[in-house]
Amino acid sequence: MLGFLFAIGATFFVAIPGAAIGDALKQAGVPVTGMQLIWALAGLYALFALVAAMQAWRRLRRGEMNEARTAGLRLTLLLALPLMAWLSTNAMVRAWP
């Protein structure tokens, strides 16, 4: 079940933005491969996690505990999602006959 949900998430959050970015770059005359798009999306995701960490740290230093807790939860979610996807994919590969 988790693998199915991961596939839906990958479709909406990786394939569709990757196709949109790839088409826009190809129309602009910039040749781009699928692996380059994957690295670009991974870098963007890492940037989101870095921004969430900076927000949590800044709010913690200001003493805004509720906002810091919210930003920390966002960071935890951003870090946990790829790990859950990786573990789910590995479990599906090992369970496949």
Protein backbone atom coordinates (compact mmCIF):
# COMPACT_ATOMS: atom_id res chain seq x y z
CA MET A 1 0.00 0.00 0.00
CA LEU A 2 2.78 2.40 0.86
CA GLY A 3 4.51 1.61 -2.42
CA PHE A 4 1.35 2.46 -4.33
CA LEU A 5 1.08 5.79 -2.53
CA PHE A 6 4.75 6.43 -3.25
CA ALA A 7 4.10 5.82 -6.95
CA ILE A 8 1.25 8.33 -6.93
CA GLY A 9 3.44 10.87 -5.14
CA ALA A 10 6.32 10.32 -7.54
CA THR A 11 3.98 10.82 -10.47
CA PHE A 12 2.61 14.12 -9.24
CA PHE A 13 5.71 15.58 -7.60
CA VAL A 14 8.50 14.28 -9.86
CA ALA A 15 7.17 13.29 -13.27
CA ILE A 16 4.83 16.20 -13.92
CA PRO A 17 7.22 18.99 -12.79
CA GLY A 18 10.09 17.22 -14.56
CA ALA A 19 8.12 17.03 -17.80
CA ALA A 20 7.07 20.69 -17.52
CA ILE A 21 10.62 21.87 -16.82
CA GLY A 22 12.04 19.63 -19.55
CA ASP A 23 9.56 20.88 -22.15
CA ALA A 24 10.21 24.51 -21.23
CA LEU A 25 13.96 24.04 -21.52
CA LYS A 26 13.66 22.18 -24.82
CA GLN A 27 11.50 24.96 -26.26
CA ALA A 28 14.13 27.46 -25.15
CA GLY A 29 16.75 25.48 -27.04
CA VAL A 30 18.52 24.01 -24.01
CA PRO A 31 19.10 20.27 -24.44
CA VAL A 32 18.43 18.43 -21.19
CA THR A 33 18.42 14.74 -20.33
CA GLY A 34 16.23 12.88 -17.87
CA MET A 35 19.07 12.40 -15.43
CA GLN A 36 19.79 16.13 -15.42
CA LEU A 37 16.13 16.80 -14.61
CA ILE A 38 16.22 14.31 -11.74
CA TRP A 39 19.31 16.00 -10.31
CA ALA A 40 17.69 19.43 -10.69
CA LEU A 41 14.54 18.29 -8.86
CA ALA A 42 16.65 16.63 -6.14
CA GLY A 43 18.60 19.85 -5.71
CA LEU A 44 15.37 21.82 -5.45
CA TYR A 45 14.11 19.39 -2.81
CA ALA A 46 17.37 19.72 -0.88
CA LEU A 47 17.01 23.49 -1.06
CA PHE A 48 13.51 23.21 0.44
CA ALA A 49 14.93 21.15 3.32
CA LEU A 50 17.75 23.64 3.86
CA VAL A 51 15.30 26.55 3.97
CA ALA A 52 13.12 24.69 6.48
CA ALA A 53 16.18 24.05 8.68
CA MET A 54 17.18 27.72 8.51
CA GLN A 55 13.63 28.80 9.41
CA ALA A 56 13.54 26.46 12.39
CA TRP A 57 16.93 27.65 13.63
CA ARG A 58 16.11 31.33 13.19
CA ARG A 59 12.77 30.99 14.98
CA LEU A 60 14.34 28.96 17.78
CA ARG A 61 16.96 31.66 18.36
CA ARG A 62 14.26 34.34 18.48
CA GLY A 63 12.40 32.38 21.13
CA GLU A 64 9.33 31.76 18.97
CA MET A 65 8.81 28.22 20.18
CA ASN A 66 5.50 27.45 18.46
CA GLU A 67 6.77 28.69 15.09
CA ALA A 68 10.09 26.87 15.61
CA ARG A 69 8.22 23.67 16.37
CA THR A 70 6.17 24.06 13.19
CA ALA A 71 9.27 24.68 11.09
CA GLY A 72 11.01 21.72 12.74
CA LEU A 73 8.05 19.50 11.94
CA ARG A 74 8.20 20.68 8.32
CA LEU A 75 11.91 19.83 8.23
CA THR A 76 11.26 16.40 9.74
CA LEU A 77 8.61 15.71 7.13
CA LEU A 78 10.87 16.84 4.29
CA LEU A 79 13.62 14.53 5.54
CA ALA A 80 11.34 11.57 6.28
CA LEU A 81 9.51 11.43 2.94
CA PRO A 82 12.50 10.34 0.81
CA LEU A 83 13.53 7.83 3.47
CA MET A 84 10.04 6.31 3.53
CA ALA A 85 10.02 6.11 -0.26
CA TRP A 86 13.43 4.44 -0.31
CA LEU A 87 12.47 1.91 2.38
CA SER A 88 9.16 1.15 0.66
CA THR A 89 10.84 0.66 -2.70
CA ASN A 90 13.45 -1.66 -1.19
CA ALA A 91 10.74 -3.68 0.56
CA MET A 92 8.81 -4.06 -2.71
CA VAL A 93 11.94 -5.14 -4.58
CA ARG A 94 12.80 -7.77 -1.97
CA ALA A 95 9.22 -9.07 -1.75
CA TRP A 96 8.78 -9.36 -5.53
CA PRO A 97 8.81 -13.01 -6.63
